[in-house]
Amino acid sequence: MYVIVILAMIAGFLALRLYSVLGKRTGHEQEPALRPAEERAKVGGLQPRPMPEATGDSVRLAEGLITPTGEAGVRALISADRSFDVPQFVEGAKSAYKMVLEAFWRGDRDELAWLCDAEVLGSFEEAIAAREAEGHVLDNRLVRIEKAQIVDASVNGRIAEVSLRFEADIAAVTRDKDGNVIA
């Protein structure tokens, strides 16, 4: 008990001494040197960039992501929506492609219904039903998407339709109901 009281008194003494030395302003502190506004602007390094033109630079920035057949449609899309970002769109499409493949491999009809339109969903459901009827199980993995390109794009009013081609490395294994590899 006495040890705690003595330690508390020592801590209080040290706190008061520190406050008396560090906690007071004497008026002799140096003010920070202020720089002129022009000098601060140079240090910042941020310069405004002009927006790319819808007919030229936007498509050129996405070189390799658009096939020649899709270029005119992408130009029309960028003209309709100047905030359309081709690289960001292609990255999002890669993520969606991965989600669709994985849902199909799992046989997850609910997720496919959320990700696909009715026509594509019908094809997936037929393939899943055939696979389940035969007792086959897919054990597939998407290793990587090697290439994704916009092959066609069109704008109809406020609706844009964009078609992409994916080249992917997929490790595919099909097992029968006993777990034996059949493909």
Protein backbone atom coordinates (compact mmCIF):
# COMPACT_ATOMS: atom_id res chain seq x y z
CA MET A 1 0.00 0.00 0.00
CA TYR A 2 2.79 2.41 0.95
CA VAL A 3 4.63 1.57 -2.25
CA ILE A 4 1.65 2.65 -4.36
CA VAL A 5 1.34 5.95 -2.49
CA ILE A 6 5.06 6.67 -2.87
CA LEU A 7 4.99 5.83 -6.59
CA ALA A 8 1.94 8.08 -7.05
CA MET A 9 3.72 10.95 -5.30
CA ILE A 10 6.81 10.49 -7.50
CA ALA A 11 4.63 10.42 -10.64
CA GLY A 12 2.82 13.58 -9.51
CA PHE A 13 6.12 15.35 -8.80
CA LEU A 14 7.48 14.42 -12.25
CA ALA A 15 4.26 15.55 -13.94
CA LEU A 16 4.41 18.95 -12.21
CA ARG A 17 8.09 19.41 -13.11
CA LEU A 18 7.44 18.52 -16.76
CA TYR A 19 4.49 20.91 -16.89
CA SER A 20 6.53 23.71 -15.38
CA VAL A 21 9.25 23.27 -18.00
CA LEU A 22 7.31 22.25 -21.11
CA GLY A 23 3.88 23.70 -20.53
CA LYS A 24 4.73 27.40 -20.45
CA ARG A 25 5.17 29.84 -23.29
CA THR A 26 7.80 32.40 -22.58
CA GLY A 27 7.24 34.55 -25.65
CA HIS A 28 10.63 33.70 -27.14
CA GLU A 29 9.37 30.92 -29.42
CA GLN A 30 10.12 31.28 -33.11
CA GLU A 31 7.16 31.68 -35.42
CA PRO A 32 7.12 29.29 -38.37
CA ALA A 33 8.37 30.96 -41.52
CA LEU A 34 5.50 31.46 -43.94
CA ARG A 35 6.14 30.99 -47.62
CA PRO A 36 4.55 33.05 -50.36
CA ALA A 37 1.54 31.50 -52.07
CA GLU A 38 3.43 30.96 -55.35
CA GLU A 39 6.11 28.96 -53.59
CA ARG A 40 3.51 26.77 -51.85
CA ALA A 41 1.83 26.10 -55.19
CA LYS A 42 5.12 24.91 -56.71
CA VAL A 43 5.73 22.55 -53.81
CA GLY A 44 2.25 21.00 -54.11
CA GLY A 45 2.99 19.69 -57.58
CA LEU A 46 -0.66 19.24 -58.53
CA GLN A 47 -1.42 20.73 -61.88
CA PRO A 48 -4.87 20.57 -63.42
CA ARG A 49 -5.06 18.37 -66.48
CA PRO A 50 -7.43 19.06 -69.34
CA MET A 51 -10.23 16.55 -69.82
CA PRO A 52 -9.51 14.22 -72.72
CA GLU A 53 -11.61 14.80 -75.78
CA ALA A 54 -14.31 12.23 -76.33
CA THR A 55 -13.22 11.60 -79.89
CA GLY A 56 -9.50 11.13 -79.37
CA ASP A 57 -7.57 10.92 -76.15
CA SER A 58 -10.05 8.82 -74.15
CA VAL A 59 -9.90 6.00 -76.64
CA ARG A 60 -6.13 6.35 -77.08
CA LEU A 61 -5.67 6.07 -73.30
CA ALA A 62 -7.42 2.70 -73.42
CA GLU A 63 -5.11 1.31 -76.10
CA GLY A 64 -5.15 -2.47 -76.01
CA LEU A 65 -8.50 -2.59 -74.22
CA ILE A 66 -10.58 -1.91 -77.34
CA THR A 67 -10.54 -3.82 -80.61
CA PRO A 68 -10.77 -1.83 -83.85
CA THR A 69 -14.36 -3.04 -84.29
CA GLY A 70 -15.35 -1.66 -80.89
CA GLU A 71 -13.65 1.71 -81.17
CA ALA A 72 -16.52 3.58 -82.85
CA GLY A 73 -19.01 2.34 -80.26
CA VAL A 74 -16.73 3.33 -77.39
CA ARG A 75 -16.35 6.80 -78.91
CA ALA A 76 -20.15 7.10 -79.04
CA LEU A 77 -20.39 5.90 -75.44
CA ILE A 78 -17.80 8.43 -74.26
CA SER A 79 -19.62 11.17 -76.16
CA ALA A 80 -22.84 10.24 -74.36
CA ASP A 81 -21.17 9.88 -70.95
CA ARG A 82 -17.95 11.84 -70.56
CA SER A 83 -17.27 10.18 -67.21
CA PHE A 84 -17.03 6.72 -68.81
CA ASP A 85 -13.61 5.30 -67.93
CA VAL A 86 -12.59 2.44 -70.21
CA PRO A 87 -9.85 0.92 -68.00
CA GLN A 88 -12.08 1.06 -64.93
CA PHE A 89 -14.97 -0.48 -66.87
CA VAL A 90 -12.80 -3.34 -68.13
CA GLU A 91 -11.53 -4.03 -64.60
CA GLY A 92 -15.12 -4.16 -63.35
CA ALA A 93 -16.06 -6.47 -66.22
CA LYS A 94 -13.20 -8.80 -65.25
CA SER A 95 -14.59 -8.99 -61.72
CA ALA A 96 -18.09 -9.71 -63.03
CA TYR A 97 -16.71 -12.39 -65.39
CA LYS A 98 -15.01 -14.10 -62.45
CA MET A 99 -18.21 -13.94 -60.39
CA VAL A 100 -20.28 -15.46 -63.21
CA LEU A 101 -17.81 -18.28 -63.80
CA GLU A 102 -17.57 -19.16 -60.12
CA ALA A 103 -21.36 -19.09 -59.68
CA PHE A 104 -21.77 -21.38 -62.70
CA TRP A 105 -19.14 -23.80 -61.44
CA ARG A 106 -20.86 -23.95 -58.03
CA GLY A 107 -24.28 -24.30 -59.67
CA ASP A 108 -25.52 -21.22 -57.79
CA ARG A 109 -28.66 -20.34 -59.75
CA ASP A 110 -29.62 -17.47 -57.43
CA GLU A 111 -26.34 -15.63 -57.95
CA LEU A 112 -26.50 -16.27 -61.70
CA ALA A 113 -30.03 -14.82 -61.77
CA TRP A 114 -28.65 -11.68 -60.19
CA LEU A 115 -25.67 -11.47 -62.58
CA CYS A 116 -27.18 -12.49 -65.95
CA ASP A 117 -30.12 -11.62 -68.13
CA ALA A 118 -32.88 -14.17 -68.78
CA GLU A 119 -31.43 -15.57 -72.02
CA VAL A 120 -27.97 -16.23 -70.57
CA LEU A 121 -29.45 -17.51 -67.32
CA GLY A 122 -31.53 -20.04 -69.28
CA SER A 123 -28.39 -21.41 -70.95
CA PHE A 124 -26.58 -21.66 -67.63
CA GLU A 125 -29.53 -23.37 -65.94
CA GLU A 126 -29.75 -25.97 -68.74
CA ALA A 127 -26.03 -26.74 -68.42
CA ILE A 128 -26.25 -26.95 -64.61
CA ALA A 129 -29.30 -29.25 -64.80
CA ALA A 130 -27.53 -31.54 -67.30
CA ARG A 131 -24.43 -31.63 -65.12
CA GLU A 132 -26.46 -32.43 -62.00
CA ALA A 133 -28.46 -35.14 -63.82
CA GLU A 134 -25.21 -36.90 -64.74
CA GLY A 135 -23.85 -36.45 -61.21
CA HIS A 136 -20.88 -34.40 -62.36
CA VAL A 137 -19.16 -31.86 -60.14
CA LEU A 138 -16.91 -29.10 -61.45
CA ASP A 139 -13.73 -28.32 -59.57
CA ASN A 140 -12.55 -25.36 -61.65
CA ARG A 141 -10.34 -22.41 -60.82
CA LEU A 142 -9.83 -19.17 -62.68
CA VAL A 143 -6.06 -18.84 -62.66
CA ARG A 144 -5.92 -15.45 -64.36
CA ILE A 145 -7.56 -13.32 -66.99
CA GLU A 146 -4.88 -12.81 -69.59
CA LYS A 147 -6.75 -10.37 -71.79
CA ALA A 148 -10.05 -8.51 -71.78
CA GLN A 149 -11.05 -6.32 -74.71
CA ILE A 150 -14.13 -4.39 -75.72
CA VAL A 151 -15.19 -5.85 -79.06
CA ASP A 152 -18.42 -3.91 -79.56
CA ALA A 153 -20.28 -1.05 -77.94
CA SER A 154 -23.45 0.82 -78.75
CA VAL A 155 -25.63 3.49 -77.20
CA ASN A 156 -29.39 3.42 -77.59
CA GLY A 157 -30.95 6.38 -75.79
CA ARG A 158 -29.85 6.14 -72.17
CA ILE A 159 -28.83 2.47 -72.45
CA ALA A 160 -25.33 1.39 -73.42
CA GLU A 161 -24.47 -2.14 -74.44
CA VAL A 162 -20.84 -3.22 -74.32
CA SER A 163 -19.51 -6.63 -75.42
CA LEU A 164 -16.15 -7.91 -74.22
CA ARG A 165 -13.95 -10.86 -75.15
CA PHE A 166 -12.02 -12.54 -72.36
CA GLU A 167 -8.98 -14.75 -72.72
CA ALA A 168 -8.48 -16.60 -69.46
CA ASP A 169 -6.36 -19.36 -68.00
CA ILE A 170 -8.74 -21.81 -66.30
CA ALA A 171 -7.80 -24.98 -64.44
CA ALA A 172 -10.76 -27.27 -65.12
CA VAL A 173 -11.51 -30.63 -63.50
CA THR A 174 -14.79 -32.53 -63.79
CA ARG A 175 -15.54 -35.32 -61.32
CA ASP A 176 -18.24 -37.97 -61.38
CA LYS A 177 -20.54 -38.73 -58.44
CA ASP A 178 -17.86 -40.99 -56.92
CA GLY A 179 -15.23 -38.25 -57.05
CA ASN A 180 -13.28 -39.76 -59.94
CA VAL A 181 -11.78 -37.33 -62.44
CA ILE A 182 -13.49 -37.73 -65.80
CA ALA A 183 -12.30 -34.61 -67.61
